[in-house]
């Protein structure tokens, strides 16, 4: 839970550095302060200045001025080397609960050169998921940890650099606006489909594929061929009895129901397991180009095929609320999304 101070800081950052897919580092979004080593040098300079002033020792004062000049030079170069970069974020791909979420980004310098201050001197990190990774000029992929099932946003990612002398740290907190879905992790299980009926309703459970026919061509008629396969068009042209040659293929068709995968009394663990099994079945049915519908709670997706249909089903699984109250028998349970 965020404290009052954290909330104030977040609101201030939202105004100063609003969410964007691309940033150019500049004075408006860059912060700079001494590192531990820098604070040590400042403390040493202060002590030498007091010592040199009290004893009127010019050698000590000269050394003090040298340290002060070095600090100013370091601060200037740290800032200049940091604000030359431009960073842009790609849309975040949807993933599954057992996989790492990856942020793809491009890091480029104004001068379009890859020199020593563009390599391994700028880092990105996220305190929430303990991510710390050095970035290089060009494309980068950053793993920001795994998330629970649902819809998420990355939030703020921090970018920092302590180049060139390690005395000053330049950093910024960038807000990535992209949202992404985390689907239930697929779990292998047996297929349970209900036979498809008209108007989006479903009948009894079945795991039997529906047989369909594909026309391959025309061949000579045989006595064992069914009469409805005869090509009467060719017969009318006087070409004799010819038969349409079909090849049978198994096409799976039906409805996936969330209720069919609840094996025992509904608990949070059993619900999550059912969601994982349904996630697996959605992926497998899509691979087989099956025409299937999906029903979970009060939501239904009409039968369809393809990747877009798969994504719609997986998004429903990702957004399903575990805070569901079950009363009575499983078949009479009331489930809310």
C-alpha atoms as a PDB file:
ATOM      1  CA  UNK A   1       0.000   0.000   0.000  1.00  0.00           C
ATOM      2  CA  UNK A   2       1.379   3.391  -0.968  1.00  0.00           C
ATOM      3  CA  UNK A   3       2.186   5.896   1.737  1.00  0.00           C
ATOM      4  CA  UNK A   4       1.080   9.519   1.644  1.00  0.00           C
ATOM      5  CA  UNK A   5       4.571  10.603   0.593  1.00  0.00           C
ATOM      6  CA  UNK A   6       4.710   8.081  -2.266  1.00  0.00           C
ATOM      7  CA  UNK A   7       1.312   9.216  -3.527  1.00  0.00           C
ATOM      8  CA  UNK A   8       2.425  12.839  -3.537  1.00  0.00           C
ATOM      9  CA  UNK A   9       5.616  11.948  -5.408  1.00  0.00           C
ATOM     10  CA  UNK A  10       3.662   9.904  -7.975  1.00  0.00           C
ATOM     11  CA  UNK A  11       1.258  12.766  -8.640  1.00  0.00           C
ATOM     12  CA  UNK A  12       4.164  15.170  -9.013  1.00  0.00           C
ATOM     13  CA  UNK A  13       5.903  12.804 -11.445  1.00  0.00           C
ATOM     14  CA  UNK A  14       2.698  12.408 -13.482  1.00  0.00           C
ATOM     15  CA  UNK A  15       2.661  16.164 -14.024  1.00  0.00           C
ATOM     16  CA  UNK A  16       6.379  16.549 -14.664  1.00  0.00           C
ATOM     17  CA  UNK A  17       6.915  13.371 -16.751  1.00  0.00           C
ATOM     18  CA  UNK A  18       3.560  12.327 -18.297  1.00  0.00           C
ATOM     19  CA  UNK A  19       3.196   8.859 -19.862  1.00  0.00           C
ATOM     20  CA  UNK A  20       4.597   8.526 -23.369  1.00  0.00           C
ATOM     21  CA  UNK A  21       5.924   5.882 -25.757  1.00  0.00           C
ATOM     22  CA  UNK A  22       9.052   7.942 -26.502  1.00  0.00           C
ATOM     23  CA  UNK A  23      11.229  10.319 -24.497  1.00  0.00           C
ATOM     24  CA  UNK A  24      14.092  12.642 -25.255  1.00  0.00           C
ATOM     25  CA  UNK A  25      16.113  13.171 -22.090  1.00  0.00           C
ATOM     26  CA  UNK A  26      16.317  16.864 -21.234  1.00  0.00           C
ATOM     27  CA  UNK A  27      16.238  19.297 -18.327  1.00  0.00           C
ATOM     28  CA  UNK A  28      12.485  18.731 -17.817  1.00  0.00           C
ATOM     29  CA  UNK A  29      12.708  15.002 -17.088  1.00  0.00           C
ATOM     30  CA  UNK A  30      16.274  14.563 -15.801  1.00  0.00           C
ATOM     31  CA  UNK A  31      17.458  14.643 -12.202  1.00  0.00           C
ATOM     32  CA  UNK A  32      21.069  14.837 -11.029  1.00  0.00           C
ATOM     33  CA  UNK A  33      22.637  14.426  -7.592  1.00  0.00           C
ATOM     34  CA  UNK A  34      26.053  13.267  -6.312  1.00  0.00           C
ATOM     35  CA  UNK A  35      26.662   9.577  -5.768  1.00  0.00           C
ATOM     36  CA  UNK A  36      28.083   8.241  -2.497  1.00  0.00           C
ATOM     37  CA  UNK A  37      31.543   8.815  -3.918  1.00  0.00           C
ATOM     38  CA  UNK A  38      30.505  12.333  -4.934  1.00  0.00           C
ATOM     39  CA  UNK A  39      29.204  13.170  -1.464  1.00  0.00           C
ATOM     40  CA  UNK A  40      32.474  11.875  -0.028  1.00  0.00           C
ATOM     41  CA  UNK A  41      34.424  14.209  -2.300  1.00  0.00           C
ATOM     42  CA  UNK A  42      32.199  17.118  -1.288  1.00  0.00           C
ATOM     43  CA  UNK A  43      32.772  16.334   2.377  1.00  0.00           C
ATOM     44  CA  UNK A  44      36.531  16.102   1.817  1.00  0.00           C
ATOM     45  CA  UNK A  45      36.540  19.430  -0.031  1.00  0.00           C
ATOM     46  CA  UNK A  46      34.604  21.101   2.787  1.00  0.00           C
ATOM     47  CA  UNK A  47      37.011  19.792   5.426  1.00  0.00           C
ATOM     48  CA  UNK A  48      40.050  20.909   3.402  1.00  0.00           C
ATOM     49  CA  UNK A  49      38.553  24.355   2.866  1.00  0.00           C
ATOM     50  CA  UNK A  50      37.956  24.824   6.591  1.00  0.00           C
ATOM     51  CA  UNK A  51      41.428  23.487   7.399  1.00  0.00           C
ATOM     52  CA  UNK A  52      43.171  25.640   4.772  1.00  0.00           C
ATOM     53  CA  UNK A  53      41.265  28.769   5.833  1.00  0.00           C
ATOM     54  CA  UNK A  54      42.062  28.340   9.540  1.00  0.00           C
ATOM     55  CA  UNK A  55      45.780  27.705   8.980  1.00  0.00           C
ATOM     56  CA  UNK A  56      46.022  29.981   5.906  1.00  0.00           C
ATOM     57  CA  UNK A  57      47.696  27.167   3.970  1.00  0.00           C
ATOM     58  CA  UNK A  58      47.658  27.945   0.258  1.00  0.00           C
ATOM     59  CA  UNK A  59      48.632  24.412  -0.770  1.00  0.00           C
ATOM     60  CA  UNK A  60      45.574  22.939   0.973  1.00  0.00           C
ATOM     61  CA  UNK A  61      43.333  25.646  -0.523  1.00  0.00           C
ATOM     62  CA  UNK A  62      44.693  24.960  -4.010  1.00  0.00           C
ATOM     63  CA  UNK A  63      43.947  21.259  -3.587  1.00  0.00           C
ATOM     64  CA  UNK A  64      40.470  22.175  -2.369  1.00  0.00           C
ATOM     65  CA  UNK A  65      39.841  24.308  -5.466  1.00  0.00           C
ATOM     66  CA  UNK A  66      41.100  21.473  -7.657  1.00  0.00           C
ATOM     67  CA  UNK A  67      38.527  19.065  -6.156  1.00  0.00           C
ATOM     68  CA  UNK A  68      35.799  21.678  -6.589  1.00  0.00           C
ATOM     69  CA  UNK A  69      36.700  22.163 -10.254  1.00  0.00           C
ATOM     70  CA  UNK A  70      36.738  18.384 -10.761  1.00  0.00           C
ATOM     71  CA  UNK A  71      33.241  18.120  -9.258  1.00  0.00           C
ATOM     72  CA  UNK A  72      31.889  20.862 -11.517  1.00  0.00           C
ATOM     73  CA  UNK A  73      33.462  19.233 -14.582  1.00  0.00           C
ATOM     74  CA  UNK A  74      32.040  15.852 -13.606  1.00  0.00           C
ATOM     75  CA  UNK A  75      28.541  17.290 -13.091  1.00  0.00           C
ATOM     76  CA  UNK A  76      28.610  19.004 -16.492  1.00  0.00           C
ATOM     77  CA  UNK A  77      29.802  15.918 -18.396  1.00  0.00           C
ATOM     78  CA  UNK A  78      27.403  13.615 -16.547  1.00  0.00           C
ATOM     79  CA  UNK A  79      24.443  15.725 -17.585  1.00  0.00           C
ATOM     80  CA  UNK A  80      25.590  16.232 -21.185  1.00  0.00           C
ATOM     81  CA  UNK A  81      26.275  12.533 -21.721  1.00  0.00           C
ATOM     82  CA  UNK A  82      22.850  11.613 -20.309  1.00  0.00           C
ATOM     83  CA  UNK A  83      20.617  14.070 -22.189  1.00  0.00           C
ATOM     84  CA  UNK A  84      21.987  13.002 -25.569  1.00  0.00           C
ATOM     85  CA  UNK A  85      19.846   9.835 -25.450  1.00  0.00           C
ATOM     86  CA  UNK A  86      16.405   9.231 -26.909  1.00  0.00           C
ATOM     87  CA  UNK A  87      14.408   6.219 -25.748  1.00  0.00           C
ATOM     88  CA  UNK A  88      11.263   4.721 -27.284  1.00  0.00           C
ATOM     89  CA  UNK A  89       9.126   1.802 -26.091  1.00  0.00           C
ATOM     90  CA  UNK A  90       7.427  -0.819 -28.252  1.00  0.00           C
ATOM     91  CA  UNK A  91       3.944  -2.161 -27.420  1.00  0.00           C
ATOM     92  CA  UNK A  92       4.199  -4.916 -24.826  1.00  0.00           C
ATOM     93  CA  UNK A  93       3.166  -8.373 -25.991  1.00  0.00           C
ATOM     94  CA  UNK A  94       0.575 -10.348 -24.058  1.00  0.00           C
ATOM     95  CA  UNK A  95       1.996 -13.292 -22.170  1.00  0.00           C
ATOM     96  CA  UNK A  96       1.139 -16.146 -19.804  1.00  0.00           C
ATOM     97  CA  UNK A  97       1.385 -16.278 -16.029  1.00  0.00           C
ATOM     98  CA  UNK A  98       4.464 -18.536 -16.047  1.00  0.00           C
ATOM     99  CA  UNK A  99       6.442 -16.330 -18.447  1.00  0.00           C
ATOM    100  CA  UNK A 100       8.518 -13.183 -18.043  1.00  0.00           C
ATOM    101  CA  UNK A 101       7.116  -9.917 -19.339  1.00  0.00           C
ATOM    102  CA  UNK A 102       9.511  -8.289 -21.787  1.00  0.00           C
ATOM    103  CA  UNK A 103       9.796  -4.599 -22.573  1.00  0.00           C
ATOM    104  CA  UNK A 104      11.295  -3.892 -25.988  1.00  0.00           C
ATOM    105  CA  UNK A 105      12.884  -0.477 -26.371  1.00  0.00           C
ATOM    106  CA  UNK A 106      15.181   1.461 -28.665  1.00  0.00           C
ATOM    107  CA  UNK A 107      17.968   3.611 -27.250  1.00  0.00           C
ATOM    108  CA  UNK A 108      19.613   6.117 -29.566  1.00  0.00           C
ATOM    109  CA  UNK A 109      21.965   9.040 -29.114  1.00  0.00           C
ATOM    110  CA  UNK A 110      21.601  12.408 -30.820  1.00  0.00           C
ATOM    111  CA  UNK A 111      25.007  12.075 -32.412  1.00  0.00           C
ATOM    112  CA  UNK A 112      24.185   8.550 -33.714  1.00  0.00           C
ATOM    113  CA  UNK A 113      27.478   7.158 -32.583  1.00  0.00           C
ATOM    114  CA  UNK A 114      28.364   4.209 -30.386  1.00  0.00           C
ATOM    115  CA  UNK A 115      31.244   5.374 -28.263  1.00  0.00           C
ATOM    116  CA  UNK A 116      32.353   4.606 -24.744  1.00  0.00           C
ATOM    117  CA  UNK A 117      29.604   6.632 -23.060  1.00  0.00           C
ATOM    118  CA  UNK A 118      26.882   4.892 -25.085  1.00  0.00           C
ATOM    119  CA  UNK A 119      27.868   1.387 -24.006  1.00  0.00           C
ATOM    120  CA  UNK A 120      27.240  -0.128 -20.579  1.00  0.00           C
ATOM    121  CA  UNK A 121      26.888   3.267 -18.933  1.00  0.00           C
ATOM    122  CA  UNK A 122      23.122   3.657 -18.858  1.00  0.00           C
ATOM    123  CA  UNK A 123      20.927   1.230 -16.937  1.00  0.00           C
ATOM    124  CA  UNK A 124      17.216   0.610 -16.547  1.00  0.00           C
ATOM    125  CA  UNK A 125      15.643  -0.796 -13.427  1.00  0.00           C
ATOM    126  CA  UNK A 126      12.334  -1.434 -11.731  1.00  0.00           C
ATOM    127  CA  UNK A 127      12.370  -1.714  -7.944  1.00  0.00           C
ATOM    128  CA  UNK A 128       9.084  -3.646  -7.830  1.00  0.00           C
ATOM    129  CA  UNK A 129      10.531  -6.613  -9.742  1.00  0.00           C
ATOM    130  CA  UNK A 130      14.235  -6.130  -8.858  1.00  0.00           C
ATOM    131  CA  UNK A 131      15.304  -5.557 -12.449  1.00  0.00           C
ATOM    132  CA  UNK A 132      18.662  -3.981 -13.273  1.00  0.00           C
ATOM    133  CA  UNK A 133      20.041  -4.223 -16.766  1.00  0.00           C
ATOM    134  CA  UNK A 134      22.596  -2.264 -18.773  1.00  0.00           C
ATOM    135  CA  UNK A 135      21.409  -0.793 -22.046  1.00  0.00           C
ATOM    136  CA  UNK A 136      23.304  -0.271 -25.265  1.00  0.00           C
ATOM    137  CA  UNK A 137      22.791   1.897 -28.304  1.00  0.00           C
ATOM    138  CA  UNK A 138      20.130   0.215 -30.448  1.00  0.00           C
ATOM    139  CA  UNK A 139      17.406  -2.304 -29.643  1.00  0.00           C
ATOM    140  CA  UNK A 140      17.136  -3.707 -26.133  1.00  0.00           C
ATOM    141  CA  UNK A 141      14.912  -6.290 -24.450  1.00  0.00           C
ATOM    142  CA  UNK A 142      14.361  -5.959 -20.710  1.00  0.00           C
ATOM    143  CA  UNK A 143      12.723  -8.700 -18.610  1.00  0.00           C
ATOM    144  CA  UNK A 144      10.678  -7.022 -15.885  1.00  0.00           C
ATOM    145  CA  UNK A 145       9.484 -10.134 -14.081  1.00  0.00           C
ATOM    146  CA  UNK A 146       6.355 -12.274 -14.132  1.00  0.00           C
ATOM    147  CA  UNK A 147       2.850 -11.069 -13.316  1.00  0.00           C
ATOM    148  CA  UNK A 148      -0.320 -12.697 -12.073  1.00  0.00           C
ATOM    149  CA  UNK A 149      -3.261 -13.368 -14.356  1.00  0.00           C
ATOM    150  CA  UNK A 150      -5.097 -10.191 -15.383  1.00  0.00           C
ATOM    151  CA  UNK A 151      -4.491  -6.905 -17.167  1.00  0.00           C
ATOM    152  CA  UNK A 152      -1.448  -4.898 -16.122  1.00  0.00           C
ATOM    153  CA  UNK A 153       0.624  -1.855 -16.922  1.00  0.00           C
ATOM    154  CA  UNK A 154       4.370  -1.560 -16.441  1.00  0.00           C
ATOM    155  CA  UNK A 155       4.127   1.739 -14.602  1.00  0.00           C
ATOM    156  CA  UNK A 156       7.372   3.657 -14.234  1.00  0.00           C
ATOM    157  CA  UNK A 157      10.791   2.427 -15.261  1.00  0.00           C
ATOM    158  CA  UNK A 158      13.889   4.258 -14.070  1.00  0.00           C
ATOM    159  CA  UNK A 159      16.886   4.986 -16.289  1.00  0.00           C
ATOM    160  CA  UNK A 160      20.174   6.121 -14.753  1.00  0.00           C
ATOM    161  CA  UNK A 161      23.808   6.817 -15.589  1.00  0.00           C
ATOM    162  CA  UNK A 162      26.899   7.649 -13.472  1.00  0.00           C
ATOM    163  CA  UNK A 163      29.234   8.333 -16.402  1.00  0.00           C
ATOM    164  CA  UNK A 164      31.979   9.595 -16.623  1.00  0.00           C
ATOM    165  CA  UNK A 165      33.654   9.794 -13.187  1.00  0.00           C
ATOM    166  CA  UNK A 166      31.054   8.165 -10.985  1.00  0.00           C
ATOM    167  CA  UNK A 167      30.653  11.331  -8.893  1.00  0.00           C
ATOM    168  CA  UNK A 168      27.164  12.285 -10.112  1.00  0.00           C
ATOM    169  CA  UNK A 169      24.117  10.192 -10.896  1.00  0.00           C
ATOM    170  CA  UNK A 170      21.689  11.297 -13.601  1.00  0.00           C
ATOM    171  CA  UNK A 171      18.341   9.543 -13.676  1.00  0.00           C
ATOM    172  CA  UNK A 172      14.763   9.793 -14.832  1.00  0.00           C
ATOM    173  CA  UNK A 173      11.506   7.954 -14.105  1.00  0.00           C
ATOM    174  CA  UNK A 174       9.694   7.115 -17.338  1.00  0.00           C
ATOM    175  CA  UNK A 175       6.062   6.040 -17.478  1.00  0.00           C
ATOM    176  CA  UNK A 176       5.213   3.360 -20.056  1.00  0.00           C
ATOM    177  CA  UNK A 177       1.526   3.724 -21.030  1.00  0.00           C
ATOM    178  CA  UNK A 178       1.133   0.301 -22.666  1.00  0.00           C
ATOM    179  CA  UNK A 179      -1.165  -2.228 -21.044  1.00  0.00           C
ATOM    180  CA  UNK A 180      -0.915  -5.966 -21.561  1.00  0.00           C
ATOM    181  CA  UNK A 181      -2.815  -9.130 -20.689  1.00  0.00           C
ATOM    182  CA  UNK A 182      -1.402 -11.987 -18.648  1.00  0.00           C
ATOM    183  CA  UNK A 183      -3.271 -15.170 -19.532  1.00  0.00           C
ATOM    184  CA  UNK A 184      -3.587 -18.240 -17.288  1.00  0.00           C
ATOM    185  CA  UNK A 185      -0.658 -20.619 -17.708  1.00  0.00           C
ATOM    186  CA  UNK A 186      -1.760 -23.496 -20.006  1.00  0.00           C
ATOM    187  CA  UNK A 187      -2.221 -26.863 -18.312  1.00  0.00           C
ATOM    188  CA  UNK A 188      -2.638 -30.033 -20.357  1.00  0.00           C
ATOM    189  CA  UNK A 189      -5.981 -31.808 -19.905  1.00  0.00           C
ATOM    190  CA  UNK A 190      -8.651 -33.750 -21.773  1.00  0.00           C
ATOM    191  CA  UNK A 191     -10.958 -31.946 -24.195  1.00  0.00           C
ATOM    192  CA  UNK A 192     -14.587 -31.436 -23.183  1.00  0.00           C
ATOM    193  CA  UNK A 193     -16.795 -29.906 -25.860  1.00  0.00           C
ATOM    194  CA  UNK A 194     -20.536 -29.480 -26.074  1.00  0.00           C
ATOM    195  CA  UNK A 195     -22.289 -30.039 -29.369  1.00  0.00           C
ATOM    196  CA  UNK A 196     -23.043 -26.854 -31.229  1.00  0.00           C
ATOM    197  CA  UNK A 197     -26.669 -25.913 -31.736  1.00  0.00           C
ATOM    198  CA  UNK A 198     -28.414 -22.951 -33.272  1.00  0.00           C
ATOM    199  CA  UNK A 199     -28.624 -19.444 -31.759  1.00  0.00           C
ATOM    200  CA  UNK A 200     -25.483 -19.862 -29.683  1.00  0.00           C
ATOM    201  CA  UNK A 201     -26.891 -22.548 -27.367  1.00  0.00           C
ATOM    202  CA  UNK A 202     -25.162 -25.820 -26.651  1.00  0.00           C
ATOM    203  CA  UNK A 203     -26.295 -29.326 -26.067  1.00  0.00           C
ATOM    204  CA  UNK A 204     -24.671 -32.356 -24.489  1.00  0.00           C
ATOM    205  CA  UNK A 205     -20.948 -32.695 -23.820  1.00  0.00           C
ATOM    206  CA  UNK A 206     -18.948 -34.368 -26.492  1.00  0.00           C
ATOM    207  CA  UNK A 207     -15.361 -34.881 -27.443  1.00  0.00           C
ATOM    208  CA  UNK A 208     -16.232 -36.375 -30.839  1.00  0.00           C
ATOM    209  CA  UNK A 209     -15.073 -34.439 -33.888  1.00  0.00           C
ATOM    210  CA  UNK A 210     -17.576 -33.606 -36.627  1.00  0.00           C
ATOM    211  CA  UNK A 211     -16.721 -35.177 -39.998  1.00  0.00           C
ATOM    212  CA  UNK A 212     -16.706 -32.904 -43.033  1.00  0.00           C
ATOM    213  CA  UNK A 213     -15.964 -33.627 -46.674  1.00  0.00           C
ATOM    214  CA  UNK A 214     -13.508 -31.916 -49.007  1.00  0.00           C
ATOM    215  CA  UNK A 215     -13.951 -32.285 -52.779  1.00  0.00           C
ATOM    216  CA  UNK A 216     -10.774 -33.681 -54.340  1.00  0.00           C
ATOM    217  CA  UNK A 217     -11.911 -34.251 -57.927  1.00  0.00           C
ATOM    218  CA  UNK A 218     -13.955 -36.447 -60.295  1.00  0.00           C
ATOM    219  CA  UNK A 219     -13.495 -40.203 -60.910  1.00  0.00           C
ATOM    220  CA  UNK A 220     -15.349 -43.088 -62.530  1.00  0.00           C
ATOM    221  CA  UNK A 221     -18.507 -44.327 -60.844  1.00  0.00           C
ATOM    222  CA  UNK A 222     -18.360 -47.479 -58.702  1.00  0.00           C
ATOM    223  CA  UNK A 223     -21.259 -49.590 -57.527  1.00  0.00           C
ATOM    224  CA  UNK A 224     -20.370 -48.886 -53.896  1.00  0.00           C
ATOM    225  CA  UNK A 225     -20.510 -45.098 -54.349  1.00  0.00           C
ATOM    226  CA  UNK A 226     -23.556 -43.310 -52.864  1.00  0.00           C
ATOM    227  CA  UNK A 227     -25.978 -41.976 -55.434  1.00  0.00           C
ATOM    228  CA  UNK A 228     -25.795 -38.408 -54.089  1.00  0.00           C
ATOM    229  CA  UNK A 229     -22.080 -38.287 -55.007  1.00  0.00           C
ATOM    230  CA  UNK A 230     -22.868 -38.768 -58.715  1.00  0.00           C
ATOM    231  CA  UNK A 231     -21.960 -35.776 -60.873  1.00  0.00           C
ATOM    232  CA  UNK A 232     -25.251 -35.285 -62.758  1.00  0.00           C
ATOM    233  CA  UNK A 233     -23.791 -32.286 -64.553  1.00  0.00           C
ATOM    234  CA  UNK A 234     -21.262 -34.477 -66.336  1.00  0.00           C
ATOM    235  CA  UNK A 235     -23.916 -37.186 -66.953  1.00  0.00           C
ATOM    236  CA  UNK A 236     -26.144 -34.601 -68.686  1.00  0.00           C
ATOM    237  CA  UNK A 237     -23.260 -33.752 -71.020  1.00  0.00           C
ATOM    238  CA  UNK A 238     -23.065 -37.388 -72.072  1.00  0.00           C
ATOM    239  CA  UNK A 239     -19.802 -38.110 -70.264  1.00  0.00           C
ATOM    240  CA  UNK A 240     -21.247 -41.105 -68.436  1.00  0.00           C
ATOM    241  CA  UNK A 241     -21.517 -41.766 -64.717  1.00  0.00           C
ATOM    242  CA  UNK A 242     -18.834 -39.947 -62.782  1.00  0.00           C
ATOM    243  CA  UNK A 243     -18.502 -39.612 -59.039  1.00  0.00           C
ATOM    244  CA  UNK A 244     -17.350 -36.682 -56.957  1.00  0.00           C
ATOM    245  CA  UNK A 245     -14.327 -37.824 -54.966  1.00  0.00           C
ATOM    246  CA  UNK A 246     -14.331 -36.517 -51.406  1.00  0.00           C
ATOM    247  CA  UNK A 247     -11.731 -36.818 -48.680  1.00  0.00           C
ATOM    248  CA  UNK A 248     -12.967 -36.957 -45.150  1.00  0.00           C
ATOM    249  CA  UNK A 249     -11.304 -34.873 -42.513  1.00  0.00           C
ATOM    250  CA  UNK A 250     -12.106 -34.487 -38.855  1.00  0.00           C
ATOM    251  CA  UNK A 251     -13.142 -30.968 -37.908  1.00  0.00           C
ATOM    252  CA  UNK A 252     -13.694 -30.255 -34.226  1.00  0.00           C
ATOM    253  CA  UNK A 253     -16.688 -28.062 -33.544  1.00  0.00           C
ATOM    254  CA  UNK A 254     -18.537 -27.207 -30.362  1.00  0.00           C
ATOM    255  CA  UNK A 255     -18.572 -25.106 -27.215  1.00  0.00           C
ATOM    256  CA  UNK A 256     -16.050 -24.793 -24.392  1.00  0.00           C
ATOM    257  CA  UNK A 257     -17.809 -24.299 -21.064  1.00  0.00           C
ATOM    258  CA  UNK A 258     -16.126 -23.157 -17.902  1.00  0.00           C
ATOM    259  CA  UNK A 259     -18.547 -25.276 -15.831  1.00  0.00           C
ATOM    260  CA  UNK A 260     -17.288 -28.493 -17.437  1.00  0.00           C
ATOM    261  CA  UNK A 261     -13.790 -27.977 -16.034  1.00  0.00           C
ATOM    262  CA  UNK A 262     -14.820 -27.453 -12.395  1.00  0.00           C
ATOM    263  CA  UNK A 263     -14.153 -30.906 -10.992  1.00  0.00           C
ATOM    264  CA  UNK A 264     -14.916 -30.471  -7.268  1.00  0.00           C
ATOM    265  CA  UNK A 265     -16.415 -27.921  -4.941  1.00  0.00           C
ATOM    266  CA  UNK A 266     -15.321 -24.556  -6.320  1.00  0.00           C
ATOM    267  CA  UNK A 267     -12.383 -23.011  -4.498  1.00  0.00           C
ATOM    268  CA  UNK A 268      -9.869 -20.423  -5.617  1.00  0.00           C
ATOM    269  CA  UNK A 269      -7.289 -23.116  -6.429  1.00  0.00           C
ATOM    270  CA  UNK A 270      -9.752 -25.233  -8.399  1.00  0.00           C
ATOM    271  CA  UNK A 271     -10.988 -22.166 -10.308  1.00  0.00           C
ATOM    272  CA  UNK A 272      -7.435 -21.182 -11.273  1.00  0.00           C
ATOM    273  CA  UNK A 273      -6.721 -24.761 -12.351  1.00  0.00           C
ATOM    274  CA  UNK A 274      -9.847 -24.760 -14.530  1.00  0.00           C
ATOM    275  CA  UNK A 275      -8.798 -21.467 -16.113  1.00  0.00           C
ATOM    276  CA  UNK A 276      -5.369 -22.936 -16.900  1.00  0.00           C
ATOM    277  CA  UNK A 277      -6.963 -25.998 -18.515  1.00  0.00           C
ATOM    278  CA  UNK A 278      -9.269 -23.817 -20.582  1.00  0.00           C
ATOM    279  CA  UNK A 279      -6.276 -21.744 -21.663  1.00  0.00           C
ATOM    280  CA  UNK A 280      -4.616 -24.912 -22.934  1.00  0.00           C
ATOM    281  CA  UNK A 281      -7.753 -26.014 -24.792  1.00  0.00           C
ATOM    282  CA  UNK A 282      -8.178 -22.612 -26.475  1.00  0.00           C
ATOM    283  CA  UNK A 283      -4.605 -22.792 -27.765  1.00  0.00           C
ATOM    284  CA  UNK A 284      -4.962 -26.378 -28.978  1.00  0.00           C
ATOM    285  CA  UNK A 285      -8.305 -25.798 -30.693  1.00  0.00           C
ATOM    286  CA  UNK A 286      -6.892 -22.763 -32.483  1.00  0.00           C
ATOM    287  CA  UNK A 287      -3.947 -24.831 -33.725  1.00  0.00           C
ATOM    288  CA  UNK A 288      -6.427 -27.355 -35.141  1.00  0.00           C
ATOM    289  CA  UNK A 289      -8.415 -24.548 -36.804  1.00  0.00           C
ATOM    290  CA  UNK A 290     -11.485 -25.658 -34.855  1.00  0.00           C
ATOM    291  CA  UNK A 291     -14.713 -23.691 -34.998  1.00  0.00           C
ATOM    292  CA  UNK A 292     -15.610 -23.378 -31.321  1.00  0.00           C
ATOM    293  CA  UNK A 293     -17.541 -21.117 -29.009  1.00  0.00           C
ATOM    294  CA  UNK A 294     -16.603 -20.131 -25.488  1.00  0.00           C
ATOM    295  CA  UNK A 295     -18.792 -19.629 -22.431  1.00  0.00           C
ATOM    296  CA  UNK A 296     -17.634 -18.450 -19.023  1.00  0.00           C
ATOM    297  CA  UNK A 297     -19.969 -16.986 -16.441  1.00  0.00           C
ATOM    298  CA  UNK A 298     -22.437 -14.638 -18.119  1.00  0.00           C
ATOM    299  CA  UNK A 299     -20.140 -14.063 -21.077  1.00  0.00           C
ATOM    300  CA  UNK A 300     -20.275 -15.946 -24.354  1.00  0.00           C
ATOM    301  CA  UNK A 301     -18.161 -15.721 -27.475  1.00  0.00           C
ATOM    302  CA  UNK A 302     -19.851 -17.089 -30.553  1.00  0.00           C
ATOM    303  CA  UNK A 303     -18.140 -19.905 -32.481  1.00  0.00           C
ATOM    304  CA  UNK A 304     -15.311 -18.751 -34.677  1.00  0.00           C
ATOM    305  CA  UNK A 305     -11.746 -19.593 -35.702  1.00  0.00           C
ATOM    306  CA  UNK A 306      -8.404 -17.841 -35.938  1.00  0.00           C
ATOM    307  CA  UNK A 307      -5.986 -15.921 -33.751  1.00  0.00           C
ATOM    308  CA  UNK A 308      -8.371 -13.036 -33.092  1.00  0.00           C
ATOM    309  CA  UNK A 309     -10.932 -15.471 -31.699  1.00  0.00           C
ATOM    310  CA  UNK A 310      -8.192 -17.067 -29.586  1.00  0.00           C
ATOM    311  CA  UNK A 311      -7.204 -13.691 -28.168  1.00  0.00           C
ATOM    312  CA  UNK A 312     -10.802 -12.857 -27.242  1.00  0.00           C
ATOM    313  CA  UNK A 313     -11.157 -16.140 -25.350  1.00  0.00           C
ATOM    314  CA  UNK A 314      -7.829 -15.742 -23.541  1.00  0.00           C
ATOM    315  CA  UNK A 315      -8.682 -12.184 -22.536  1.00  0.00           C
ATOM    316  CA  UNK A 316     -11.904 -13.398 -20.923  1.00  0.00           C
ATOM    317  CA  UNK A 317      -9.896 -15.997 -19.016  1.00  0.00           C
ATOM    318  CA  UNK A 318      -7.387 -13.361 -17.903  1.00  0.00           C
ATOM    319  CA  UNK A 319     -10.104 -11.021 -16.626  1.00  0.00           C
ATOM    320  CA  UNK A 320     -12.217 -13.666 -14.887  1.00  0.00           C
ATOM    321  CA  UNK A 321     -12.727 -12.669 -11.275  1.00  0.00           C
ATOM    322  CA  UNK A 322     -11.786 -15.210  -8.617  1.00  0.00           C
ATOM    323  CA  UNK A 323     -14.106 -13.428  -6.163  1.00  0.00           C
ATOM    324  CA  UNK A 324     -17.031 -15.595  -7.235  1.00  0.00           C
ATOM    325  CA  UNK A 325     -19.649 -16.883  -4.873  1.00  0.00           C
ATOM    326  CA  UNK A 326     -20.923 -20.379  -5.478  1.00  0.00           C
ATOM    327  CA  UNK A 327     -24.196 -21.613  -3.977  1.00  0.00           C
ATOM    328  CA  UNK A 328     -25.668 -25.091  -4.178  1.00  0.00           C
ATOM    329  CA  UNK A 329     -24.729 -27.650  -6.784  1.00  0.00           C
ATOM    330  CA  UNK A 330     -22.038 -26.907  -9.354  1.00  0.00           C
ATOM    331  CA  UNK A 331     -24.560 -27.003 -12.191  1.00  0.00           C
ATOM    332  CA  UNK A 332     -26.637 -24.314 -10.448  1.00  0.00           C
ATOM    333  CA  UNK A 333     -23.754 -22.116  -9.397  1.00  0.00           C
ATOM    334  CA  UNK A 334     -23.935 -18.406 -10.013  1.00  0.00           C
ATOM    335  CA  UNK A 335     -20.729 -17.062 -11.418  1.00  0.00           C
ATOM    336  CA  UNK A 336     -19.936 -13.444 -12.101  1.00  0.00           C
ATOM    337  CA  UNK A 337     -17.136 -12.021 -14.164  1.00  0.00           C
END
